Amino acid sequence: MLVLSAAWLLVLNGINPEARIVRTNLARAEAGKSFDVEYHKKLSADALPSLLAGADRLPPDVAAQLRTAIEAEWAKRQASRSDWRQWSLPFGRAATLLANDGADGR
């Protein structure tokens, strides 16, 4: 059972369901469907790279709204993680990505 659980965890990490959801929803937005900024800003750190990479494919007003919402949400998340035990690799990567994205002037 332990081996099966570990295998399932590896499969889920490899698939990254939230990133797949983001890519699917970005493709739908490109096809003229609506894009729910409020939903996407609440996704975990695993979805953030896909969100930031795909924001340019959204209409300019939606992309700006998404970036503003993500920055506000992640500022709250970072402020609430004051203890090193709350840190995770995806969260660290996302924080670095956001810092670099902001440094690029986007």
PDB file of N, CA and C in Angstrom:
ATOM      1  N   MET A   1       0.821  -1.188   0.000  1.00  0.00           N
ATOM      2  CA  MET A   1       0.000   0.000   0.000  1.00  0.00           C
ATOM      3  C   MET A   1       0.875   1.265   0.000  1.00  0.00           C
ATOM      4  N   LEU A   2       1.971   1.203   0.739  1.00  0.00           N
ATOM      5  CA  LEU A   2       2.879   2.349   0.788  1.00  0.00           C
ATOM      6  C   LEU A   2       3.494   2.623  -0.584  1.00  0.00           C
ATOM      7  N   VAL A   3       3.906   1.578  -1.262  1.00  0.00           N
ATOM      8  CA  VAL A   3       4.495   1.728  -2.596  1.00  0.00           C
ATOM      9  C   VAL A   3       3.459   2.270  -3.573  1.00  0.00           C
ATOM     10  N   LEU A   4       2.246   1.778  -3.482  1.00  0.00           N
ATOM     11  CA  LEU A   4       1.180   2.258  -4.358  1.00  0.00           C
ATOM     12  C   LEU A   4       0.878   3.736  -4.106  1.00  0.00           C
ATOM     13  N   SER A   5       0.845   4.122  -2.853  1.00  0.00           N
ATOM     14  CA  SER A   5       0.612   5.530  -2.509  1.00  0.00           C
ATOM     15  C   SER A   5       1.725   6.419  -3.032  1.00  0.00           C
ATOM     16  N   ALA A   6       2.964   5.980  -2.881  1.00  0.00           N
ATOM     17  CA  ALA A   6       4.100   6.753  -3.381  1.00  0.00           C
ATOM     18  C   ALA A   6       4.043   6.867  -4.907  1.00  0.00           C
ATOM     19  N   ALA A   7       3.688   5.779  -5.574  1.00  0.00           N
ATOM     20  CA  ALA A   7       3.582   5.805  -7.035  1.00  0.00           C
ATOM     21  C   ALA A   7       2.489   6.771  -7.488  1.00  0.00           C
ATOM     22  N   TRP A   8       1.353   6.746  -6.804  1.00  0.00           N
ATOM     23  CA  TRP A   8       0.250   7.646  -7.147  1.00  0.00           C
ATOM     24  C   TRP A   8       0.662   9.099  -6.962  1.00  0.00           C
ATOM     25  N   LEU A   9       1.383   9.383  -5.895  1.00  0.00           N
ATOM     26  CA  LEU A   9       1.854  10.734  -5.630  1.00  0.00           C
ATOM     27  C   LEU A   9       2.811  11.192  -6.739  1.00  0.00           C
ATOM     28  N   LEU A  10       3.694  10.327  -7.170  1.00  0.00           N
ATOM     29  CA  LEU A  10       4.615  10.660  -8.264  1.00  0.00           C
ATOM     30  C   LEU A  10       3.865  10.919  -9.568  1.00  0.00           C
ATOM     31  N   VAL A  11       2.858  10.116  -9.840  1.00  0.00           N
ATOM     32  CA  VAL A  11       2.065  10.312 -11.056  1.00  0.00           C
ATOM     33  C   VAL A  11       1.350  11.659 -11.023  1.00  0.00           C
ATOM     34  N   LEU A  12       0.730  11.990  -9.897  1.00  0.00           N
ATOM     35  CA  LEU A  12       0.030  13.271  -9.789  1.00  0.00           C
ATOM     36  C   LEU A  12       0.985  14.448  -9.921  1.00  0.00           C
ATOM     37  N   ASN A  13       2.170  14.338  -9.340  1.00  0.00           N
ATOM     38  CA  ASN A  13       3.143  15.415  -9.475  1.00  0.00           C
ATOM     39  C   ASN A  13       3.618  15.543 -10.911  1.00  0.00           C
ATOM     40  N   GLY A  14       3.751  14.440 -11.600  1.00  0.00           N
ATOM     41  CA  GLY A  14       4.184  14.480 -12.995  1.00  0.00           C
ATOM     42  C   GLY A  14       3.132  15.047 -13.930  1.00  0.00           C
ATOM     43  N   ILE A  15       1.883  14.734 -13.663  1.00  0.00           N
ATOM     44  CA  ILE A  15       0.783  15.205 -14.507  1.00  0.00           C
ATOM     45  C   ILE A  15       0.501  16.684 -14.262  1.00  0.00           C
ATOM     46  N   ASN A  16       0.597  17.114 -13.016  1.00  0.00           N
ATOM     47  CA  ASN A  16       0.318  18.498 -12.606  1.00  0.00           C
ATOM     48  C   ASN A  16      -1.076  18.926 -13.085  1.00  0.00           C
ATOM     49  N   PRO A  17      -2.127  18.417 -12.435  1.00  0.00           N
ATOM     50  CA  PRO A  17      -3.496  18.678 -12.888  1.00  0.00           C
ATOM     51  C   PRO A  17      -3.854  20.160 -12.980  1.00  0.00           C
ATOM     52  N   GLU A  18      -3.359  20.973 -12.056  1.00  0.00           N
ATOM     53  CA  GLU A  18      -3.718  22.388 -12.108  1.00  0.00           C
ATOM     54  C   GLU A  18      -3.123  23.081 -13.328  1.00  0.00           C
ATOM     55  N   ALA A  19      -1.924  22.727 -13.702  1.00  0.00           N
ATOM     56  CA  ALA A  19      -1.326  23.318 -14.908  1.00  0.00           C
ATOM     57  C   ALA A  19      -2.116  22.909 -16.148  1.00  0.00           C
ATOM     58  N   ARG A  20      -2.596  21.677 -16.160  1.00  0.00           N
ATOM     59  CA  ARG A  20      -3.422  21.219 -17.297  1.00  0.00           C
ATOM     60  C   ARG A  20      -4.731  21.991 -17.354  1.00  0.00           C
ATOM     61  N   ILE A  21      -5.327  22.242 -16.195  1.00  0.00           N
ATOM     62  CA  ILE A  21      -6.564  23.025 -16.138  1.00  0.00           C
ATOM     63  C   ILE A  21      -6.321  24.423 -16.693  1.00  0.00           C
ATOM     64  N   VAL A  22      -5.220  25.036 -16.286  1.00  0.00           N
ATOM     65  CA  VAL A  22      -4.899  26.387 -16.755  1.00  0.00           C
ATOM     66  C   VAL A  22      -4.713  26.396 -18.267  1.00  0.00           C
ATOM     67  N   ARG A  23      -3.938  25.446 -18.789  1.00  0.00           N
ATOM     68  CA  ARG A  23      -3.714  25.405 -20.241  1.00  0.00           C
ATOM     69  C   ARG A  23      -5.027  25.211 -21.001  1.00  0.00           C
ATOM     70  N   THR A  24      -5.890  24.357 -20.478  1.00  0.00           N
ATOM     71  CA  THR A  24      -7.188  24.131 -21.121  1.00  0.00           C
ATOM     72  C   THR A  24      -8.031  25.397 -21.096  1.00  0.00           C
ATOM     73  N   ASN A  25      -8.077  26.064 -19.963  1.00  0.00           N
ATOM     74  CA  ASN A  25      -8.887  27.279 -19.845  1.00  0.00           C
ATOM     75  C   ASN A  25      -8.314  28.431 -20.666  1.00  0.00           C
ATOM     76  N   LEU A  26      -7.001  28.491 -20.788  1.00  0.00           N
ATOM     77  CA  LEU A  26      -6.401  29.512 -21.658  1.00  0.00           C
ATOM     78  C   LEU A  26      -6.768  29.269 -23.119  1.00  0.00           C
ATOM     79  N   ALA A  27      -6.752  28.003 -23.523  1.00  0.00           N
ATOM     80  CA  ALA A  27      -7.143  27.668 -24.898  1.00  0.00           C
ATOM     81  C   ALA A  27      -8.609  28.019 -25.137  1.00  0.00           C
ATOM     82  N   ARG A  28      -9.457  27.776 -24.142  1.00  0.00           N
ATOM     83  CA  ARG A  28     -10.875  28.136 -24.262  1.00  0.00           C
ATOM     84  C   ARG A  28     -11.040  29.654 -24.366  1.00  0.00           C
ATOM     85  N   ALA A  29     -10.233  30.393 -23.599  1.00  0.00           N
ATOM     86  CA  ALA A  29     -10.304  31.856 -23.653  1.00  0.00           C
ATOM     87  C   ALA A  29      -9.867  32.368 -25.023  1.00  0.00           C
ATOM     88  N   GLU A  30      -8.862  31.733 -25.595  1.00  0.00           N
ATOM     89  CA  GLU A  30      -8.423  32.118 -26.942  1.00  0.00           C
ATOM     90  C   GLU A  30      -9.508  31.859 -27.977  1.00  0.00           C
ATOM     91  N   ALA A  31     -10.355  30.873 -27.700  1.00  0.00           N
ATOM     92  CA  ALA A  31     -11.450  30.537 -28.613  1.00  0.00           C
ATOM     93  C   ALA A  31     -12.680  31.413 -28.377  1.00  0.00           C
ATOM     94  N   GLY A  32     -12.555  32.392 -27.487  1.00  0.00           N
ATOM     95  CA  GLY A  32     -13.654  33.331 -27.275  1.00  0.00           C
ATOM     96  C   GLY A  32     -14.498  33.067 -26.042  1.00  0.00           C
ATOM     97  N   LYS A  33     -14.169  32.041 -25.279  1.00  0.00           N
ATOM     98  CA  LYS A  33     -14.912  31.756 -24.042  1.00  0.00           C
ATOM     99  C   LYS A  33     -14.424  32.684 -22.939  1.00  0.00           C
ATOM    100  N   SER A  34     -15.184  32.769 -21.855  1.00  0.00           N
ATOM    101  CA  SER A  34     -14.784  33.637 -20.743  1.00  0.00           C
ATOM    102  C   SER A  34     -13.669  32.983 -19.928  1.00  0.00           C
ATOM    103  N   PHE A  35     -12.902  33.792 -19.215  1.00  0.00           N
ATOM    104  CA  PHE A  35     -11.809  33.332 -18.372  1.00  0.00           C
ATOM    105  C   PHE A  35     -12.068  33.852 -16.971  1.00  0.00           C
ATOM    106  N   ASP A  36     -12.200  32.947 -16.021  1.00  0.00           N
ATOM    107  CA  ASP A  36     -12.549  33.295 -14.639  1.00  0.00           C
ATOM    108  C   ASP A  36     -11.283  33.638 -13.849  1.00  0.00           C
ATOM    109  N   VAL A  37     -11.001  34.917 -13.733  1.00  0.00           N
ATOM    110  CA  VAL A  37      -9.809  35.392 -13.034  1.00  0.00           C
ATOM    111  C   VAL A  37      -9.871  35.035 -11.552  1.00  0.00           C
ATOM    112  N   GLU A  38     -11.029  35.187 -10.934  1.00  0.00           N
ATOM    113  CA  GLU A  38     -11.175  34.898  -9.502  1.00  0.00           C
ATOM    114  C   GLU A  38     -10.854  33.448  -9.186  1.00  0.00           C
ATOM    115  N   TYR A  39     -11.258  32.536 -10.034  1.00  0.00           N
ATOM    116  CA  TYR A  39     -10.954  31.122  -9.831  1.00  0.00           C
ATOM    117  C   TYR A  39      -9.460  30.864  -9.999  1.00  0.00           C
ATOM    118  N   HIS A  40      -8.885  31.384 -11.062  1.00  0.00           N
ATOM    119  CA  HIS A  40      -7.500  31.083 -11.383  1.00  0.00           C
ATOM    120  C   HIS A  40      -6.518  31.696 -10.390  1.00  0.00           C
ATOM    121  N   LYS A  41      -6.841  32.813  -9.791  1.00  0.00           N
ATOM    122  CA  LYS A  41      -5.910  33.414  -8.832  1.00  0.00           C
ATOM    123  C   LYS A  41      -5.788  32.560  -7.571  1.00  0.00           C
ATOM    124  N   LYS A  42      -6.765  31.713  -7.308  1.00  0.00           N
ATOM    125  CA  LYS A  42      -6.772  30.891  -6.103  1.00  0.00           C
ATOM    126  C   LYS A  42      -6.077  29.545  -6.282  1.00  0.00           C
ATOM    127  N   LEU A  43      -5.644  29.227  -7.494  1.00  0.00           N
ATOM    128  CA  LEU A  43      -4.977  27.953  -7.722  1.00  0.00           C
ATOM    129  C   LEU A  43      -3.620  27.934  -7.013  1.00  0.00           C
ATOM    130  N   SER A  44      -3.084  26.750  -6.851  1.00  0.00           N
ATOM    131  CA  SER A  44      -1.843  26.589  -6.084  1.00  0.00           C
ATOM    132  C   SER A  44      -0.618  27.029  -6.880  1.00  0.00           C
ATOM    133  N   ALA A  45       0.517  26.889  -6.230  1.00  0.00           N
ATOM    134  CA  ALA A  45       1.792  27.260  -6.840  1.00  0.00           C
ATOM    135  C   ALA A  45       2.099  26.432  -8.085  1.00  0.00           C
ATOM    136  N   ASP A  46       1.532  25.248  -8.186  1.00  0.00           N
ATOM    137  CA  ASP A  46       1.765  24.417  -9.362  1.00  0.00           C
ATOM    138  C   ASP A  46       1.183  25.033 -10.628  1.00  0.00           C
ATOM    139  N   ALA A  47       0.154  25.842 -10.495  1.00  0.00           N
ATOM    140  CA  ALA A  47      -0.501  26.444 -11.652  1.00  0.00           C
ATOM    141  C   ALA A  47       0.120  27.776 -12.067  1.00  0.00           C
ATOM    142  N   LEU A  48       0.853  28.393 -11.166  1.00  0.00           N
ATOM    143  CA  LEU A  48       1.350  29.751 -11.422  1.00  0.00           C
ATOM    144  C   LEU A  48       2.238  29.871 -12.661  1.00  0.00           C
ATOM    145  N   PRO A  49       3.197  28.978 -12.899  1.00  0.00           N
ATOM    146  CA  PRO A  49       4.008  29.132 -14.120  1.00  0.00           C
ATOM    147  C   PRO A  49       3.166  29.135 -15.393  1.00  0.00           C
ATOM    148  N   SER A  50       2.172  28.267 -15.476  1.00  0.00           N
ATOM    149  CA  SER A  50       1.305  28.230 -16.657  1.00  0.00           C
ATOM    150  C   SER A  50       0.460  29.494 -16.762  1.00  0.00           C
ATOM    151  N   LEU A  51       0.003  30.000 -15.628  1.00  0.00           N
ATOM    152  CA  LEU A  51      -0.796  31.232 -15.636  1.00  0.00           C
ATOM    153  C   LEU A  51       0.019  32.417 -16.139  1.00  0.00           C
ATOM    154  N   LEU A  52       1.215  32.575 -15.608  1.00  0.00           N
ATOM    155  CA  LEU A  52       2.042  33.705 -16.021  1.00  0.00           C
ATOM    156  C   LEU A  52       2.486  33.578 -17.476  1.00  0.00           C
ATOM    157  N   ALA A  53       2.813  32.364 -17.896  1.00  0.00           N
ATOM    158  CA  ALA A  53       3.242  32.165 -19.280  1.00  0.00           C
ATOM    159  C   ALA A  53       2.100  32.393 -20.262  1.00  0.00           C
ATOM    160  N   GLY A  54       0.886  32.039 -19.869  1.00  0.00           N
ATOM    161  CA  GLY A  54      -0.250  32.147 -20.771  1.00  0.00           C
ATOM    162  C   GLY A  54      -1.020  33.445 -20.689  1.00  0.00           C
ATOM    163  N   ALA A  55      -0.685  34.298 -19.744  1.00  0.00           N
ATOM    164  CA  ALA A  55      -1.432  35.547 -19.573  1.00  0.00           C
ATOM    165  C   ALA A  55      -1.396  36.410 -20.831  1.00  0.00           C
ATOM    166  N   ASP A  56      -0.311  36.336 -21.584  1.00  0.00           N
ATOM    167  CA  ASP A  56      -0.192  37.143 -22.802  1.00  0.00           C
ATOM    168  C   ASP A  56      -1.152  36.689 -23.897  1.00  0.00           C
ATOM    169  N   ARG A  57      -1.690  35.485 -23.764  1.00  0.00           N
ATOM    170  CA  ARG A  57      -2.641  34.974 -24.759  1.00  0.00           C
ATOM    171  C   ARG A  57      -4.061  35.440 -24.483  1.00  0.00           C
ATOM    172  N   LEU A  58      -4.266  36.070 -23.339  1.00  0.00           N
ATOM    173  CA  LEU A  58      -5.597  36.586 -22.981  1.00  0.00           C
ATOM    174  C   LEU A  58      -5.774  37.990 -23.543  1.00  0.00           C
ATOM    175  N   PRO A  59      -7.026  38.454 -23.633  1.00  0.00           N
ATOM    176  CA  PRO A  59      -7.231  39.855 -24.009  1.00  0.00           C
ATOM    177  C   PRO A  59      -6.498  40.766 -23.018  1.00  0.00           C
ATOM    178  N   PRO A  60      -5.979  41.896 -23.473  1.00  0.00           N
ATOM    179  CA  PRO A  60      -5.152  42.748 -22.610  1.00  0.00           C
ATOM    180  C   PRO A  60      -5.801  43.130 -21.272  1.00  0.00           C
ATOM    181  N   ASP A  61      -7.095  43.437 -21.283  1.00  0.00           N
ATOM    182  CA  ASP A  61      -7.735  43.830 -20.025  1.00  0.00           C
ATOM    183  C   ASP A  61      -7.842  42.657 -19.055  1.00  0.00           C
ATOM    184  N   VAL A  62      -8.114  41.462 -19.568  1.00  0.00           N
ATOM    185  CA  VAL A  62      -8.201  40.268 -18.723  1.00  0.00           C
ATOM    186  C   VAL A  62      -6.811  39.895 -18.212  1.00  0.00           C
ATOM    187  N   ALA A  63      -5.790  40.010 -19.059  1.00  0.00           N
ATOM    188  CA  ALA A  63      -4.420  39.702 -18.647  1.00  0.00           C
ATOM    189  C   ALA A  63      -3.970  40.635 -17.527  1.00  0.00           C
ATOM    190  N   ALA A  64      -4.287  41.909 -17.657  1.00  0.00           N
ATOM    191  CA  ALA A  64      -3.924  42.873 -16.612  1.00  0.00           C
ATOM    192  C   ALA A  64      -4.668  42.573 -15.313  1.00  0.00           C
ATOM    193  N   GLN A  65      -5.938  42.237 -15.436  1.00  0.00           N
ATOM    194  CA  GLN A  65      -6.734  41.884 -14.257  1.00  0.00           C
ATOM    195  C   GLN A  65      -6.164  40.632 -13.585  1.00  0.00           C
ATOM    196  N   LEU A  66      -5.761  39.651 -14.381  1.00  0.00           N
ATOM    197  CA  LEU A  66      -5.193  38.420 -13.843  1.00  0.00           C
ATOM    198  C   LEU A  66      -3.883  38.694 -13.113  1.00  0.00           C
ATOM    199  N   ARG A  67      -2.999  39.449 -13.708  1.00  0.00           N
ATOM    200  CA  ARG A  67      -1.714  39.765 -13.070  1.00  0.00           C
ATOM    201  C   ARG A  67      -1.912  40.517 -11.756  1.00  0.00           C
ATOM    202  N   THR A  68      -2.829  41.479 -11.743  1.00  0.00           N
ATOM    203  CA  THR A  68      -3.113  42.226 -10.514  1.00  0.00           C
ATOM    204  C   THR A  68      -3.670  41.302  -9.439  1.00  0.00           C
ATOM    205  N   ALA A  69      -4.592  40.431  -9.822  1.00  0.00           N
ATOM    206  CA  ALA A  69      -5.195  39.500  -8.863  1.00  0.00           C
ATOM    207  C   ALA A  69      -4.169  38.517  -8.320  1.00  0.00           C
ATOM    208  N   ILE A  70      -3.298  38.010  -9.183  1.00  0.00           N
ATOM    209  CA  ILE A  70      -2.271  37.068  -8.747  1.00  0.00           C
ATOM    210  C   ILE A  70      -1.293  37.757  -7.795  1.00  0.00           C
ATOM    211  N   GLU A  71      -0.860  38.947  -8.136  1.00  0.00           N
ATOM    212  CA  GLU A  71       0.079  39.659  -7.267  1.00  0.00           C
ATOM    213  C   GLU A  71      -0.520  39.910  -5.889  1.00  0.00           C
ATOM    214  N   ALA A  72      -1.790  40.308  -5.833  1.00  0.00           N
ATOM    215  CA  ALA A  72      -2.445  40.554  -4.548  1.00  0.00           C
ATOM    216  C   ALA A  72      -2.600  39.252  -3.755  1.00  0.00           C
ATOM    217  N   GLU A  73      -3.027  38.202  -4.425  1.00  0.00           N
ATOM    218  CA  GLU A  73      -3.211  36.905  -3.760  1.00  0.00           C
ATOM    219  C   GLU A  73      -1.892  36.369  -3.222  1.00  0.00           C
ATOM    220  N   TRP A  74      -0.840  36.456  -4.025  1.00  0.00           N
ATOM    221  CA  TRP A  74       0.446  35.913  -3.593  1.00  0.00           C
ATOM    222  C   TRP A  74       1.112  36.777  -2.541  1.00  0.00           C
ATOM    223  N   ALA A  75       0.827  38.055  -2.520  1.00  0.00           N
ATOM    224  CA  ALA A  75       1.337  38.899  -1.429  1.00  0.00           C
ATOM    225  C   ALA A  75       0.736  38.436  -0.105  1.00  0.00           C
ATOM    226  N   LYS A  76      -0.557  38.106  -0.121  1.00  0.00           N
ATOM    227  CA  LYS A  76      -1.209  37.579   1.093  1.00  0.00           C
ATOM    228  C   LYS A  76      -0.624  36.231   1.480  1.00  0.00           C
ATOM    229  N   ARG A  77      -0.423  35.366   0.502  1.00  0.00           N
ATOM    230  CA  ARG A  77       0.112  34.033   0.785  1.00  0.00           C
ATOM    231  C   ARG A  77       1.516  34.103   1.370  1.00  0.00           C
ATOM    232  N   GLN A  78       2.342  34.975   0.811  1.00  0.00           N
ATOM    233  CA  GLN A  78       3.705  35.091   1.315  1.00  0.00           C
ATOM    234  C   GLN A  78       3.725  35.689   2.712  1.00  0.00           C
ATOM    235  N   ALA A  79       2.837  36.622   2.993  1.00  0.00           N
ATOM    236  CA  ALA A  79       2.781  37.229   4.322  1.00  0.00           C
ATOM    237  C   ALA A  79       2.323  36.226   5.370  1.00  0.00           C
ATOM    238  N   SER A  80       1.480  35.279   4.971  1.00  0.00           N
ATOM    239  CA  SER A  80       0.971  34.309   5.934  1.00  0.00           C
ATOM    240  C   SER A  80       1.932  33.144   6.166  1.00  0.00           C
ATOM    241  N   ARG A  81       2.968  33.041   5.387  1.00  0.00           N
ATOM    242  CA  ARG A  81       3.940  31.950   5.537  1.00  0.00           C
ATOM    243  C   ARG A  81       5.202  32.479   6.202  1.00  0.00           C
ATOM    244  N   SER A  82       5.122  32.722   7.483  1.00  0.00           N
ATOM    245  CA  SER A  82       6.257  33.269   8.199  1.00  0.00           C
ATOM    246  C   SER A  82       7.170  32.182   8.754  1.00  0.00           C
ATOM    247  N   ASP A  83       6.711  30.962   8.784  1.00  0.00           N
ATOM    248  CA  ASP A  83       7.465  29.859   9.365  1.00  0.00           C
ATOM    249  C   ASP A  83       8.048  28.984   8.268  1.00  0.00           C
ATOM    250  N   TRP A  84       9.289  28.569   8.423  1.00  0.00           N
ATOM    251  CA  TRP A  84       9.951  27.762   7.400  1.00  0.00           C
ATOM    252  C   TRP A  84       9.244  26.425   7.173  1.00  0.00           C
ATOM    253  N   ARG A  85       8.487  25.945   8.144  1.00  0.00           N
ATOM    254  CA  ARG A  85       7.800  24.661   7.995  1.00  0.00           C
ATOM    255  C   ARG A  85       6.627  24.748   7.023  1.00  0.00           C
ATOM    256  N   GLN A  86       6.214  25.931   6.681  1.00  0.00           N
ATOM    257  CA  GLN A  86       5.129  26.114   5.718  1.00  0.00           C
ATOM    258  C   GLN A  86       5.649  26.245   4.285  1.00  0.00           C
ATOM    259  N   TRP A  87       6.955  26.239   4.134  1.00  0.00           N
ATOM    260  CA  TRP A  87       7.566  26.395   2.823  1.00  0.00           C
ATOM    261  C   TRP A  87       7.486  25.084   2.052  1.00  0.00           C
ATOM    262  N   SER A  88       7.370  25.167   0.734  1.00  0.00           N
ATOM    263  CA  SER A  88       7.414  23.993  -0.136  1.00  0.00           C
ATOM    264  C   SER A  88       8.162  24.371  -1.408  1.00  0.00           C
ATOM    265  N   LEU A  89       8.652  23.375  -2.099  1.00  0.00           N
ATOM    266  CA  LEU A  89       9.388  23.629  -3.337  1.00  0.00           C
ATOM    267  C   LEU A  89       8.527  24.352  -4.379  1.00  0.00           C
ATOM    268  N   PRO A  90       7.288  23.909  -4.641  1.00  0.00           N
ATOM    269  CA  PRO A  90       6.468  24.656  -5.611  1.00  0.00           C
ATOM    270  C   PRO A  90       6.206  26.102  -5.171  1.00  0.00           C
ATOM    271  N   PHE A  91       6.007  26.309  -3.866  1.00  0.00           N
ATOM    272  CA  PHE A  91       5.769  27.668  -3.378  1.00  0.00           C
ATOM    273  C   PHE A  91       7.008  28.535  -3.580  1.00  0.00           C
ATOM    274  N   GLY A  92       8.184  27.983  -3.291  1.00  0.00           N
ATOM    275  CA  GLY A  92       9.424  28.734  -3.498  1.00  0.00           C
ATOM    276  C   GLY A  92       9.652  29.078  -4.956  1.00  0.00           C
ATOM    277  N   ARG A  93       9.384  28.113  -5.827  1.00  0.00           N
ATOM    278  CA  ARG A  93       9.524  28.370  -7.266  1.00  0.00           C
ATOM    279  C   ARG A  93       8.551  29.452  -7.734  1.00  0.00           C
ATOM    280  N   ALA A  94       7.328  29.381  -7.241  1.00  0.00           N
ATOM    281  CA  ALA A  94       6.314  30.360  -7.630  1.00  0.00           C
ATOM    282  C   ALA A  94       6.693  31.758  -7.145  1.00  0.00           C
ATOM    283  N   ALA A  95       7.186  31.854  -5.915  1.00  0.00           N
ATOM    284  CA  ALA A  95       7.592  33.153  -5.376  1.00  0.00           C
ATOM    285  C   ALA A  95       8.743  33.738  -6.199  1.00  0.00           C
ATOM    286  N   THR A  96       9.694  32.896  -6.574  1.00  0.00           N
ATOM    287  CA  THR A  96      10.812  33.344  -7.392  1.00  0.00           C
ATOM    288  C   THR A  96      10.332  33.783  -8.775  1.00  0.00           C
ATOM    289  N   LEU A  97       9.433  33.007  -9.346  1.00  0.00           N
ATOM    290  CA  LEU A  97       8.880  33.329 -10.658  1.00  0.00           C
ATOM    291  C   LEU A  97       8.146  34.670 -10.622  1.00  0.00           C
ATOM    292  N   LEU A  98       7.370  34.880  -9.583  1.00  0.00           N
ATOM    293  CA  LEU A  98       6.647  36.153  -9.447  1.00  0.00           C
ATOM    294  C   LEU A  98       7.618  37.321  -9.272  1.00  0.00           C
ATOM    295  N   ALA A  99       8.650  37.117  -8.463  1.00  0.00           N
ATOM    296  CA  ALA A  99       9.631  38.179  -8.261  1.00  0.00           C
ATOM    297  C   ALA A  99      10.344  38.520  -9.568  1.00  0.00           C
ATOM    298  N   ASN A 100      10.713  37.499 -10.334  1.00  0.00           N
ATOM    299  CA  ASN A 100      11.379  37.723 -11.622  1.00  0.00           C
ATOM    300  C   ASN A 100      10.431  38.334 -12.645  1.00  0.00           C
ATOM    301  N   ASP A 101       9.159  37.929 -12.612  1.00  0.00           N
ATOM    302  CA  ASP A 101       8.156  38.459 -13.536  1.00  0.00           C
ATOM    303  C   ASP A 101       7.960  39.948 -13.272  1.00  0.00           C
ATOM    304  N   GLY A 102       7.929  40.312 -12.010  1.00  0.00           N
ATOM    305  CA  GLY A 102       7.791  41.724 -11.651  1.00  0.00           C
ATOM    306  C   GLY A 102       9.030  42.526 -12.007  1.00  0.00           C
ATOM    307  N   ALA A 103      10.197  41.892 -11.906  1.00  0.00           N
ATOM    308  CA  ALA A 103      11.443  42.569 -12.236  1.00  0.00           C
ATOM    309  C   ALA A 103      11.561  42.814 -13.740  1.00  0.00           C
ATOM    310  N   ASP A 104      10.864  41.995 -14.533  1.00  0.00           N
ATOM    311  CA  ASP A 104      10.875  42.169 -15.987  1.00  0.00           C
ATOM    312  C   ASP A 104      10.012  43.342 -16.432  1.00  0.00           C
ATOM    313  N   GLY A 105       9.257  43.909 -15.481  1.00  0.00           N
ATOM    314  CA  GLY A 105       8.416  45.050 -15.824  1.00  0.00           C
ATOM    315  C   GLY A 105       7.064  44.693 -16.345  1.00  0.00           C
ATOM    316  N   ARG A 106       6.639  43.452 -16.174  1.00  0.00           N
ATOM    317  CA  ARG A 106       5.309  43.038 -16.648  1.00  0.00           C
ATOM    318  C   ARG A 106       4.260  43.353 -15.637  1.00  0.00           C
TER     319      ARG A 106
END
